[in-house]
């Protein structure tokens, strides 16, 4: 029984090790230039071992996205649940989003430069956006109920405005020659969302 558990644990460790290696290779080489051999070498396994866990290179990318999405969204959910105030919930969501991408630059590079242009995983990208929009819908509606957020907003537009701004900030950070604290952008972003640019 113990032997079976050890084998299962080893398989899990090896799987995630290969996903991490793939993320590093995809981020540095680009998906199309990356090879299975490069991923295997970085993970410290034989080329054939990759095919025990993944169908092909496209499947590796899909599994990488799926795993990262599940992990990040669980952390976002926990961050949002820490407050019942709409502004704080939004700030926690944005800060968590930026923190996770700052802590995993390979993931940030892949999400910003690779997956958004791939039609073969377009449905998964739509699912990611849908989950994010659900977070935002709950926050906005709760803020409206408590009178903290305007009632006359077109929620669909607000959600796209928020997500687009966050993605723009991450993209700028990924491509910046000098690195800076990405998470420090959370408060200014939320202030912009809540107060706009008009001089009151």
N, C-alpha and C. Protein backbone atom coordinates (compact mmCIF):
# COMPACT_ATOMS: atom_id res chain seq x y z
N UNK A 1 0.84 -1.21 0.00
CA UNK A 1 0.00 0.00 0.00
C UNK A 1 0.87 1.25 0.00
N UNK A 2 1.91 1.22 0.86
CA UNK A 2 2.82 2.36 0.95
C UNK A 2 3.56 2.56 -0.36
N UNK A 3 3.92 1.46 -1.01
CA UNK A 3 4.63 1.55 -2.28
C UNK A 3 3.77 2.26 -3.33
N UNK A 4 2.48 1.94 -3.39
CA UNK A 4 1.59 2.57 -4.35
C UNK A 4 1.47 4.06 -4.10
N UNK A 5 1.42 4.46 -2.83
CA UNK A 5 1.34 5.87 -2.48
C UNK A 5 2.60 6.60 -2.91
N UNK A 6 3.75 5.94 -2.74
CA UNK A 6 5.02 6.55 -3.13
C UNK A 6 5.09 6.74 -4.64
N UNK A 7 4.59 5.76 -5.38
CA UNK A 7 4.58 5.85 -6.84
C UNK A 7 3.68 6.99 -7.28
N UNK A 8 2.49 7.10 -6.65
CA UNK A 8 1.56 8.17 -6.98
C UNK A 8 2.17 9.53 -6.69
N UNK A 9 2.86 9.64 -5.55
CA UNK A 9 3.49 10.90 -5.18
C UNK A 9 4.59 11.25 -6.17
N UNK A 10 5.38 10.24 -6.57
CA UNK A 10 6.47 10.47 -7.51
C UNK A 10 5.92 10.94 -8.85
N UNK A 11 4.80 10.32 -9.29
CA UNK A 11 4.18 10.71 -10.56
C UNK A 11 3.71 12.16 -10.49
N UNK A 12 3.10 12.55 -9.39
CA UNK A 12 2.63 13.92 -9.22
C UNK A 12 3.79 14.89 -9.23
N UNK A 13 4.83 14.59 -8.49
CA UNK A 13 5.99 15.47 -8.43
C UNK A 13 6.63 15.62 -9.81
N UNK A 14 6.72 14.52 -10.53
CA UNK A 14 7.34 14.55 -11.85
C UNK A 14 6.48 15.35 -12.83
N UNK A 15 5.18 15.19 -12.73
CA UNK A 15 4.25 15.91 -13.60
C UNK A 15 4.40 17.42 -13.41
N UNK A 16 4.38 17.85 -12.17
CA UNK A 16 4.48 19.29 -11.90
C UNK A 16 5.87 19.83 -12.21
N UNK A 17 6.88 18.99 -12.05
CA UNK A 17 8.23 19.38 -12.41
C UNK A 17 8.34 19.64 -13.92
N UNK A 18 7.67 18.80 -14.70
CA UNK A 18 7.69 18.97 -16.15
C UNK A 18 6.86 20.19 -16.56
N UNK A 19 5.76 20.44 -15.87
CA UNK A 19 4.98 21.64 -16.16
C UNK A 19 5.80 22.90 -15.89
N UNK A 20 6.52 22.91 -14.78
CA UNK A 20 7.35 24.06 -14.43
C UNK A 20 8.45 24.26 -15.47
N UNK A 21 9.06 23.15 -15.88
CA UNK A 21 10.11 23.22 -16.90
C UNK A 21 9.56 23.74 -18.21
N UNK A 22 8.38 23.27 -18.57
CA UNK A 22 7.74 23.71 -19.82
C UNK A 22 7.46 25.21 -19.77
N UNK A 23 6.99 25.69 -18.62
CA UNK A 23 6.74 27.12 -18.48
C UNK A 23 7.99 27.94 -18.72
N UNK A 24 9.10 27.49 -18.16
CA UNK A 24 10.37 28.21 -18.34
C UNK A 24 10.82 28.20 -19.79
N UNK A 25 10.70 27.05 -20.44
CA UNK A 25 11.12 26.92 -21.85
C UNK A 25 10.22 27.73 -22.77
N UNK A 26 8.90 27.62 -22.58
CA UNK A 26 7.97 28.40 -23.41
C UNK A 26 8.19 29.90 -23.26
N UNK A 27 8.44 30.34 -22.03
CA UNK A 27 8.63 31.77 -21.77
C UNK A 27 9.90 32.30 -22.41
N UNK A 28 10.94 31.48 -22.43
CA UNK A 28 12.23 31.95 -22.95
C UNK A 28 12.40 31.71 -24.45
N UNK A 29 11.87 30.60 -24.94
CA UNK A 29 12.05 30.26 -26.36
C UNK A 29 10.85 30.65 -27.23
N UNK A 30 9.71 30.82 -26.59
CA UNK A 30 8.47 30.97 -27.36
C UNK A 30 7.94 29.59 -27.65
N UNK A 31 6.63 29.45 -27.71
CA UNK A 31 6.04 28.12 -27.86
C UNK A 31 6.51 27.41 -29.12
N UNK A 32 6.53 28.10 -30.25
CA UNK A 32 6.83 27.43 -31.52
C UNK A 32 8.30 27.02 -31.65
N UNK A 33 9.19 27.74 -30.99
CA UNK A 33 10.61 27.39 -31.05
C UNK A 33 11.00 26.36 -29.98
N UNK A 34 10.18 26.26 -28.96
CA UNK A 34 10.45 25.32 -27.87
C UNK A 34 10.33 23.88 -28.38
N UNK A 35 11.12 22.99 -27.80
CA UNK A 35 11.06 21.58 -28.19
C UNK A 35 10.83 20.70 -26.97
N UNK A 36 10.35 19.50 -27.24
CA UNK A 36 10.14 18.52 -26.17
C UNK A 36 11.47 18.20 -25.50
N UNK A 37 12.54 18.12 -26.30
CA UNK A 37 13.86 17.81 -25.75
C UNK A 37 14.32 18.88 -24.77
N UNK A 38 14.04 20.15 -25.06
CA UNK A 38 14.42 21.24 -24.16
C UNK A 38 13.65 21.14 -22.84
N UNK A 39 12.38 20.83 -22.95
CA UNK A 39 11.55 20.69 -21.75
C UNK A 39 12.03 19.52 -20.91
N UNK A 40 12.29 18.39 -21.58
CA UNK A 40 12.76 17.20 -20.86
C UNK A 40 14.09 17.47 -20.16
N UNK A 41 15.01 18.13 -20.87
CA UNK A 41 16.32 18.42 -20.30
C UNK A 41 16.20 19.31 -19.07
N UNK A 42 15.35 20.30 -19.15
CA UNK A 42 15.18 21.23 -18.01
C UNK A 42 14.52 20.51 -16.83
N UNK A 43 13.63 19.58 -17.13
CA UNK A 43 12.96 18.83 -16.06
C UNK A 43 13.81 17.69 -15.53
N UNK A 44 14.90 17.38 -16.24
CA UNK A 44 15.79 16.29 -15.82
C UNK A 44 15.21 14.91 -16.07
N UNK A 45 14.46 14.79 -17.17
CA UNK A 45 13.89 13.49 -17.52
C UNK A 45 14.22 13.19 -18.98
N UNK A 46 14.00 11.94 -19.38
CA UNK A 46 14.20 11.54 -20.77
C UNK A 46 13.06 12.07 -21.62
N UNK A 47 13.33 12.28 -22.90
CA UNK A 47 12.28 12.77 -23.80
C UNK A 47 11.03 11.90 -23.75
N UNK A 48 11.23 10.60 -23.72
CA UNK A 48 10.10 9.67 -23.73
C UNK A 48 9.21 9.80 -22.50
N UNK A 49 9.79 10.25 -21.39
CA UNK A 49 9.01 10.39 -20.16
C UNK A 49 7.93 11.45 -20.33
N UNK A 50 8.22 12.47 -21.11
CA UNK A 50 7.24 13.54 -21.35
C UNK A 50 5.96 12.94 -21.92
N UNK A 51 6.11 11.98 -22.83
CA UNK A 51 4.95 11.41 -23.51
C UNK A 51 4.15 10.45 -22.64
N UNK A 52 4.66 10.12 -21.47
CA UNK A 52 3.90 9.32 -20.52
C UNK A 52 2.84 10.18 -19.82
N UNK A 53 3.06 11.49 -19.85
CA UNK A 53 2.18 12.43 -19.14
C UNK A 53 1.41 13.37 -20.08
N UNK A 54 1.96 13.60 -21.28
CA UNK A 54 1.37 14.56 -22.20
C UNK A 54 1.33 13.97 -23.62
N UNK A 55 0.29 14.35 -24.37
CA UNK A 55 0.16 13.87 -25.74
C UNK A 55 1.21 14.46 -26.66
N UNK A 56 1.42 15.78 -26.53
CA UNK A 56 2.34 16.50 -27.40
C UNK A 56 2.62 17.87 -26.78
N UNK A 57 3.30 18.71 -27.50
CA UNK A 57 3.66 20.03 -26.99
C UNK A 57 2.44 20.89 -26.74
N UNK A 58 1.44 20.80 -27.62
CA UNK A 58 0.21 21.56 -27.42
C UNK A 58 -0.50 21.15 -26.14
N UNK A 59 -0.48 19.87 -25.85
CA UNK A 59 -1.12 19.37 -24.64
C UNK A 59 -0.39 19.88 -23.40
N UNK A 60 0.93 19.99 -23.49
CA UNK A 60 1.71 20.53 -22.36
C UNK A 60 1.30 21.96 -22.07
N UNK A 61 1.17 22.76 -23.13
CA UNK A 61 0.76 24.15 -22.95
C UNK A 61 -0.63 24.22 -22.36
N UNK A 62 -1.54 23.39 -22.86
CA UNK A 62 -2.91 23.40 -22.36
C UNK A 62 -2.94 23.01 -20.88
N UNK A 63 -2.18 21.97 -20.51
CA UNK A 63 -2.15 21.53 -19.11
C UNK A 63 -1.50 22.59 -18.22
N UNK A 64 -0.51 23.28 -18.74
CA UNK A 64 0.15 24.35 -17.99
C UNK A 64 -0.86 25.46 -17.69
N UNK A 65 -1.59 25.88 -18.71
CA UNK A 65 -2.60 26.94 -18.55
C UNK A 65 -3.68 26.51 -17.57
N UNK A 66 -4.15 25.29 -17.72
CA UNK A 66 -5.21 24.77 -16.86
C UNK A 66 -4.77 24.75 -15.41
N UNK A 67 -3.57 24.27 -15.15
CA UNK A 67 -3.06 24.19 -13.78
C UNK A 67 -2.87 25.58 -13.18
N UNK A 68 -2.24 26.47 -13.94
CA UNK A 68 -1.99 27.82 -13.43
C UNK A 68 -3.29 28.56 -13.19
N UNK A 69 -4.25 28.40 -14.09
CA UNK A 69 -5.53 29.07 -13.94
C UNK A 69 -6.24 28.62 -12.67
N UNK A 70 -6.26 27.32 -12.45
CA UNK A 70 -6.92 26.77 -11.26
C UNK A 70 -6.24 27.27 -9.99
N UNK A 71 -4.93 27.29 -9.98
CA UNK A 71 -4.18 27.73 -8.81
C UNK A 71 -4.41 29.21 -8.51
N UNK A 72 -4.28 30.04 -9.54
CA UNK A 72 -4.41 31.49 -9.36
C UNK A 72 -5.83 31.87 -8.97
N UNK A 73 -6.82 31.25 -9.58
CA UNK A 73 -8.20 31.62 -9.28
C UNK A 73 -8.61 31.20 -7.87
N UNK A 74 -8.04 30.13 -7.37
CA UNK A 74 -8.33 29.75 -5.99
C UNK A 74 -7.76 30.79 -5.03
N UNK A 75 -6.58 31.29 -5.33
CA UNK A 75 -5.99 32.34 -4.49
C UNK A 75 -6.78 33.64 -4.61
N UNK A 76 -7.28 33.93 -5.80
CA UNK A 76 -8.12 35.12 -5.97
C UNK A 76 -9.40 35.00 -5.16
N UNK A 77 -10.01 33.83 -5.18
CA UNK A 77 -11.24 33.61 -4.42
C UNK A 77 -11.00 33.86 -2.94
N UNK A 78 -9.90 33.32 -2.43
CA UNK A 78 -9.57 33.50 -1.02
C UNK A 78 -9.31 34.97 -0.70
N UNK A 79 -8.65 35.68 -1.62
CA UNK A 79 -8.35 37.09 -1.40
C UNK A 79 -9.63 37.93 -1.36
N UNK A 80 -10.56 37.64 -2.26
CA UNK A 80 -11.81 38.39 -2.32
C UNK A 80 -12.64 38.15 -1.06
N UNK A 81 -12.62 36.93 -0.56
CA UNK A 81 -13.45 36.58 0.59
C UNK A 81 -12.96 37.18 1.90
N UNK A 82 -11.80 37.83 1.88
CA UNK A 82 -11.26 38.42 3.10
C UNK A 82 -11.97 39.72 3.49
N UNK A 83 -12.80 40.24 2.62
CA UNK A 83 -13.49 41.50 2.92
C UNK A 83 -14.89 41.49 2.35
N UNK A 84 -15.80 42.21 3.01
CA UNK A 84 -17.17 42.34 2.48
C UNK A 84 -17.42 43.75 1.95
N UNK A 85 -16.35 44.54 1.86
CA UNK A 85 -16.43 45.89 1.30
C UNK A 85 -16.01 45.84 -0.16
N UNK A 86 -16.84 46.39 -1.05
CA UNK A 86 -16.60 46.27 -2.49
C UNK A 86 -15.23 46.81 -2.90
N UNK A 87 -14.86 47.97 -2.38
CA UNK A 87 -13.57 48.55 -2.75
C UNK A 87 -12.42 47.67 -2.28
N UNK A 88 -12.51 47.17 -1.06
CA UNK A 88 -11.46 46.31 -0.53
C UNK A 88 -11.41 44.99 -1.30
N UNK A 89 -12.59 44.46 -1.63
CA UNK A 89 -12.64 43.22 -2.41
C UNK A 89 -11.96 43.40 -3.76
N UNK A 90 -12.24 44.53 -4.42
CA UNK A 90 -11.62 44.81 -5.71
C UNK A 90 -10.11 44.97 -5.57
N UNK A 91 -9.71 45.67 -4.52
CA UNK A 91 -8.28 45.87 -4.28
C UNK A 91 -7.58 44.54 -4.01
N UNK A 92 -8.22 43.68 -3.23
CA UNK A 92 -7.64 42.37 -2.94
C UNK A 92 -7.52 41.52 -4.20
N UNK A 93 -8.56 41.58 -5.05
CA UNK A 93 -8.56 40.83 -6.29
C UNK A 93 -7.41 41.28 -7.20
N UNK A 94 -7.30 42.59 -7.40
CA UNK A 94 -6.27 43.13 -8.29
C UNK A 94 -4.88 42.87 -7.73
N UNK A 95 -4.71 43.07 -6.42
CA UNK A 95 -3.41 42.85 -5.80
C UNK A 95 -2.99 41.39 -5.91
N UNK A 96 -3.94 40.48 -5.71
CA UNK A 96 -3.64 39.05 -5.84
C UNK A 96 -3.26 38.71 -7.27
N UNK A 97 -4.01 39.24 -8.22
CA UNK A 97 -3.74 39.03 -9.64
C UNK A 97 -2.31 39.45 -9.98
N UNK A 98 -1.95 40.66 -9.58
CA UNK A 98 -0.61 41.18 -9.89
C UNK A 98 0.47 40.41 -9.15
N UNK A 99 0.20 40.05 -7.90
CA UNK A 99 1.19 39.32 -7.11
C UNK A 99 1.52 37.97 -7.72
N UNK A 100 0.48 37.24 -8.13
CA UNK A 100 0.71 35.91 -8.70
C UNK A 100 1.52 35.98 -9.99
N UNK A 101 1.26 36.98 -10.81
CA UNK A 101 2.01 37.11 -12.06
C UNK A 101 3.42 37.62 -11.78
N UNK A 102 3.58 38.47 -10.79
CA UNK A 102 4.93 38.93 -10.44
C UNK A 102 5.77 37.79 -9.88
N UNK A 103 5.14 36.92 -9.10
CA UNK A 103 5.86 35.80 -8.50
C UNK A 103 6.18 34.69 -9.49
N UNK A 104 5.53 34.69 -10.62
CA UNK A 104 5.77 33.67 -11.65
C UNK A 104 5.86 34.35 -13.01
N UNK A 105 7.03 34.91 -13.28
CA UNK A 105 7.20 35.68 -14.52
C UNK A 105 7.01 34.81 -15.76
N UNK A 106 7.40 33.54 -15.67
CA UNK A 106 7.21 32.64 -16.81
C UNK A 106 5.73 32.56 -17.17
N UNK A 107 4.90 32.41 -16.16
CA UNK A 107 3.46 32.38 -16.39
C UNK A 107 2.98 33.69 -17.01
N UNK A 108 3.48 34.80 -16.49
CA UNK A 108 3.08 36.11 -17.00
C UNK A 108 3.42 36.25 -18.48
N UNK A 109 4.62 35.84 -18.83
CA UNK A 109 5.06 35.93 -20.23
C UNK A 109 4.18 35.07 -21.13
N UNK A 110 3.90 33.85 -20.69
CA UNK A 110 3.09 32.93 -21.50
C UNK A 110 1.66 33.46 -21.68
N UNK A 111 1.07 33.93 -20.60
CA UNK A 111 -0.30 34.44 -20.69
C UNK A 111 -0.38 35.71 -21.54
N UNK A 112 0.66 36.53 -21.48
CA UNK A 112 0.61 37.80 -22.21
C UNK A 112 1.03 37.66 -23.67
N UNK A 113 1.92 36.73 -23.98
CA UNK A 113 2.48 36.70 -25.33
C UNK A 113 2.14 35.45 -26.14
N UNK A 114 1.61 34.43 -25.50
CA UNK A 114 1.39 33.18 -26.21
C UNK A 114 -0.09 32.82 -26.35
N UNK A 115 -0.79 32.64 -25.24
CA UNK A 115 -2.08 31.98 -25.30
C UNK A 115 -3.20 32.82 -25.89
N UNK A 116 -3.11 34.13 -25.78
CA UNK A 116 -4.21 34.96 -26.27
C UNK A 116 -4.33 34.94 -27.79
N UNK A 117 -3.29 34.47 -28.47
CA UNK A 117 -3.31 34.46 -29.94
C UNK A 117 -3.52 33.06 -30.51
N UNK A 118 -3.83 32.09 -29.65
CA UNK A 118 -3.97 30.71 -30.11
C UNK A 118 -5.45 30.33 -30.19
N UNK A 119 -5.93 30.09 -31.37
CA UNK A 119 -7.35 29.75 -31.56
C UNK A 119 -7.68 28.37 -31.03
N UNK A 120 -6.68 27.47 -30.97
CA UNK A 120 -6.97 26.11 -30.54
C UNK A 120 -7.31 26.03 -29.06
N UNK A 121 -6.97 27.05 -28.29
CA UNK A 121 -7.34 27.05 -26.88
C UNK A 121 -8.22 28.27 -26.56
N UNK A 122 -8.85 28.79 -27.60
CA UNK A 122 -9.67 29.98 -27.43
C UNK A 122 -10.81 29.76 -26.43
N UNK A 123 -11.40 28.55 -26.46
CA UNK A 123 -12.51 28.27 -25.55
C UNK A 123 -12.05 28.31 -24.10
N UNK A 124 -10.82 27.85 -23.84
CA UNK A 124 -10.30 27.87 -22.48
C UNK A 124 -10.04 29.31 -22.03
N UNK A 125 -9.57 30.13 -22.96
CA UNK A 125 -9.32 31.54 -22.64
C UNK A 125 -10.63 32.23 -22.30
N UNK A 126 -11.69 31.89 -23.02
CA UNK A 126 -13.00 32.45 -22.72
C UNK A 126 -13.47 32.03 -21.33
N UNK A 127 -13.15 30.79 -20.95
CA UNK A 127 -13.52 30.31 -19.62
C UNK A 127 -12.77 31.09 -18.55
N UNK A 128 -11.50 31.41 -18.80
CA UNK A 128 -10.72 32.20 -17.85
C UNK A 128 -11.34 33.57 -17.67
N UNK A 129 -11.66 34.22 -18.79
CA UNK A 129 -12.28 35.55 -18.73
C UNK A 129 -13.62 35.48 -18.01
N UNK A 130 -14.39 34.43 -18.28
CA UNK A 130 -15.69 34.28 -17.64
C UNK A 130 -15.56 34.20 -16.13
N UNK A 131 -14.58 33.42 -15.65
CA UNK A 131 -14.38 33.30 -14.21
C UNK A 131 -13.99 34.63 -13.60
N UNK A 132 -13.13 35.36 -14.28
CA UNK A 132 -12.69 36.66 -13.78
C UNK A 132 -13.86 37.63 -13.75
N UNK A 133 -14.65 37.61 -14.81
CA UNK A 133 -15.81 38.50 -14.88
C UNK A 133 -16.83 38.17 -13.79
N UNK A 134 -16.93 36.91 -13.41
CA UNK A 134 -17.85 36.53 -12.34
C UNK A 134 -17.42 37.14 -11.01
N UNK A 135 -16.10 37.15 -10.76
CA UNK A 135 -15.58 37.83 -9.58
C UNK A 135 -15.99 39.30 -9.60
N UNK A 136 -15.76 39.94 -10.73
CA UNK A 136 -16.04 41.37 -10.85
C UNK A 136 -17.52 41.67 -10.75
N UNK A 137 -18.36 40.82 -11.34
CA UNK A 137 -19.81 41.02 -11.26
C UNK A 137 -20.28 41.00 -9.81
N UNK A 138 -19.80 40.02 -9.05
CA UNK A 138 -20.18 39.92 -7.64
C UNK A 138 -19.76 41.16 -6.86
N UNK A 139 -18.55 41.63 -7.13
CA UNK A 139 -18.02 42.81 -6.42
C UNK A 139 -18.83 44.06 -6.77
N UNK A 140 -19.07 44.26 -8.05
CA UNK A 140 -19.81 45.45 -8.51
C UNK A 140 -21.24 45.45 -7.98
N UNK A 141 -21.90 44.30 -8.09
CA UNK A 141 -23.29 44.22 -7.64
C UNK A 141 -23.40 44.42 -6.14
N UNK A 142 -22.44 43.87 -5.40
CA UNK A 142 -22.46 44.07 -3.95
C UNK A 142 -22.25 45.54 -3.61
N UNK A 143 -21.35 46.19 -4.34
CA UNK A 143 -21.10 47.60 -4.12
C UNK A 143 -22.31 48.45 -4.46
N UNK A 144 -23.06 48.05 -5.48
CA UNK A 144 -24.28 48.78 -5.85
C UNK A 144 -25.36 48.62 -4.80
N UNK A 145 -25.51 47.41 -4.27
CA UNK A 145 -26.52 47.16 -3.25
C UNK A 145 -26.27 48.01 -2.01
N UNK A 146 -25.00 48.17 -1.66
CA UNK A 146 -24.66 48.93 -0.46
C UNK A 146 -24.49 50.43 -0.76
N UNK A 147 -24.76 50.82 -2.01
CA UNK A 147 -24.71 52.23 -2.35
C UNK A 147 -23.31 52.80 -2.51
N UNK A 148 -22.32 51.92 -2.61
CA UNK A 148 -20.95 52.37 -2.74
C UNK A 148 -20.55 52.58 -4.20
N UNK A 149 -21.22 51.87 -5.09
CA UNK A 149 -20.94 51.96 -6.52
C UNK A 149 -22.20 52.42 -7.24
N UNK A 150 -22.03 53.26 -8.26
CA UNK A 150 -23.14 53.82 -9.02
C UNK A 150 -24.05 52.73 -9.58
N UNK A 151 -25.34 53.05 -9.61
CA UNK A 151 -26.34 52.12 -10.12
C UNK A 151 -26.45 52.16 -11.64
N UNK A 152 -26.02 53.27 -12.26
CA UNK A 152 -26.24 53.46 -13.69
C UNK A 152 -25.10 52.95 -14.57
N UNK A 153 -24.30 52.06 -14.04
CA UNK A 153 -23.15 51.55 -14.80
C UNK A 153 -23.55 50.45 -15.76
N UNK A 154 -22.90 50.40 -16.90
CA UNK A 154 -23.02 49.27 -17.82
C UNK A 154 -21.97 48.26 -17.36
N UNK A 155 -22.41 47.25 -16.60
CA UNK A 155 -21.49 46.34 -15.92
C UNK A 155 -20.54 45.63 -16.88
N UNK A 156 -21.05 45.25 -18.05
CA UNK A 156 -20.18 44.58 -19.02
C UNK A 156 -19.00 45.45 -19.42
N UNK A 157 -19.25 46.74 -19.60
CA UNK A 157 -18.18 47.66 -19.97
C UNK A 157 -17.21 47.86 -18.82
N UNK A 158 -17.74 47.95 -17.60
CA UNK A 158 -16.89 48.12 -16.42
C UNK A 158 -15.95 46.94 -16.25
N UNK A 159 -16.47 45.74 -16.43
CA UNK A 159 -15.65 44.53 -16.27
C UNK A 159 -14.51 44.50 -17.29
N UNK A 160 -14.82 44.86 -18.52
CA UNK A 160 -13.78 44.86 -19.56
C UNK A 160 -12.76 45.97 -19.33
N UNK A 161 -13.22 47.07 -18.80
CA UNK A 161 -12.32 48.18 -18.46
C UNK A 161 -11.33 47.75 -17.39
N UNK A 162 -11.82 47.07 -16.37
CA UNK A 162 -10.96 46.64 -15.27
C UNK A 162 -9.96 45.58 -15.74
N UNK A 163 -10.46 44.53 -16.39
CA UNK A 163 -9.58 43.46 -16.84
C UNK A 163 -8.57 43.97 -17.86
N UNK A 164 -9.02 44.83 -18.79
CA UNK A 164 -8.11 45.37 -19.80
C UNK A 164 -7.00 46.19 -19.18
N UNK A 165 -7.33 46.98 -18.16
CA UNK A 165 -6.31 47.80 -17.50
C UNK A 165 -5.30 46.93 -16.76
N UNK A 166 -5.77 45.90 -16.07
CA UNK A 166 -4.87 44.99 -15.35
C UNK A 166 -3.94 44.28 -16.33
N UNK A 167 -4.49 43.78 -17.41
CA UNK A 167 -3.67 43.09 -18.41
C UNK A 167 -2.65 44.05 -19.04
N UNK A 168 -3.07 45.30 -19.24
CA UNK A 168 -2.14 46.29 -19.79
C UNK A 168 -0.99 46.57 -18.86
N UNK A 169 -1.27 46.65 -17.57
CA UNK A 169 -0.22 46.88 -16.57
C UNK A 169 0.74 45.70 -16.52
N UNK A 170 0.20 44.48 -16.58
CA UNK A 170 1.06 43.28 -16.56
C UNK A 170 1.91 43.22 -17.82
N UNK A 171 1.33 43.53 -18.97
CA UNK A 171 2.06 43.49 -20.23
C UNK A 171 3.21 44.50 -20.23
N UNK A 172 2.96 45.69 -19.69
CA UNK A 172 4.01 46.71 -19.60
C UNK A 172 5.14 46.22 -18.70
N UNK A 173 4.77 45.59 -17.59
CA UNK A 173 5.76 45.06 -16.63
C UNK A 173 6.60 43.96 -17.28
N UNK A 174 5.95 43.06 -18.00
CA UNK A 174 6.66 41.95 -18.65
C UNK A 174 7.70 42.47 -19.64
N UNK A 175 7.35 43.53 -20.36
CA UNK A 175 8.22 44.04 -21.42
C UNK A 175 9.17 45.16 -20.97
N UNK A 176 9.07 45.57 -19.72
CA UNK A 176 9.92 46.65 -19.22
C UNK A 176 11.36 46.17 -19.06
N UNK A 177 12.31 47.01 -19.45
CA UNK A 177 13.72 46.67 -19.30
C UNK A 177 14.13 46.67 -17.84
N UNK A 178 13.62 47.61 -17.08
CA UNK A 178 13.92 47.67 -15.65
C UNK A 178 12.70 47.17 -14.88
N UNK A 179 12.93 46.17 -14.03
CA UNK A 179 11.81 45.59 -13.29
C UNK A 179 11.45 46.47 -12.09
N UNK A 180 10.18 46.44 -11.75
CA UNK A 180 9.67 47.20 -10.63
C UNK A 180 8.58 46.39 -9.95
N UNK A 181 8.10 46.87 -8.82
CA UNK A 181 7.10 46.14 -8.05
C UNK A 181 5.74 46.23 -8.72
N UNK A 182 5.32 45.14 -9.32
CA UNK A 182 4.05 45.11 -10.04
C UNK A 182 2.88 45.29 -9.09
N UNK A 183 2.97 44.73 -7.90
CA UNK A 183 1.87 44.79 -6.94
C UNK A 183 1.58 46.22 -6.50
N UNK A 184 2.59 47.09 -6.57
CA UNK A 184 2.40 48.49 -6.16
C UNK A 184 1.42 49.21 -7.08
N UNK A 185 1.09 48.61 -8.22
CA UNK A 185 0.15 49.22 -9.15
C UNK A 185 -1.31 48.97 -8.76
N UNK A 186 -1.53 48.08 -7.79
CA UNK A 186 -2.90 47.71 -7.42
C UNK A 186 -3.70 48.90 -6.88
N UNK A 187 -3.15 49.61 -5.92
CA UNK A 187 -3.87 50.74 -5.32
C UNK A 187 -4.17 51.85 -6.33
N UNK A 188 -3.19 52.27 -7.15
CA UNK A 188 -3.49 53.28 -8.17
C UNK A 188 -4.56 52.82 -9.16
N UNK A 189 -4.56 51.54 -9.50
CA UNK A 189 -5.57 51.02 -10.43
C UNK A 189 -6.96 51.11 -9.81
N UNK A 190 -7.09 50.66 -8.58
CA UNK A 190 -8.39 50.69 -7.92
C UNK A 190 -8.86 52.13 -7.71
N UNK A 191 -7.93 53.02 -7.39
CA UNK A 191 -8.28 54.43 -7.24
C UNK A 191 -8.81 54.98 -8.55
N UNK A 192 -8.19 54.59 -9.66
CA UNK A 192 -8.64 55.04 -10.97
C UNK A 192 -10.02 54.49 -11.28
N UNK A 193 -10.25 53.20 -10.95
CA UNK A 193 -11.56 52.61 -11.19
C UNK A 193 -12.64 53.34 -10.40
N UNK A 194 -12.34 53.62 -9.15
CA UNK A 194 -13.36 54.15 -8.24
C UNK A 194 -13.58 55.65 -8.40
N UNK A 195 -12.53 56.38 -8.75
CA UNK A 195 -12.63 57.85 -8.77
C UNK A 195 -12.48 58.48 -10.16
N UNK A 196 -12.01 57.71 -11.14
CA UNK A 196 -11.87 58.24 -12.49
C UNK A 196 -10.77 59.28 -12.60
N UNK A 197 -10.82 60.07 -13.64
CA UNK A 197 -9.78 61.09 -13.87
C UNK A 197 -10.32 62.50 -13.78
N UNK A 198 -11.60 62.63 -13.49
CA UNK A 198 -12.21 63.94 -13.41
C UNK A 198 -11.82 64.66 -12.12
N UNK A 199 -11.48 65.94 -12.23
CA UNK A 199 -11.14 66.74 -11.06
C UNK A 199 -12.43 67.20 -10.42
N UNK A 200 -12.71 66.66 -9.23
CA UNK A 200 -14.01 66.95 -8.58
C UNK A 200 -13.96 68.28 -7.81
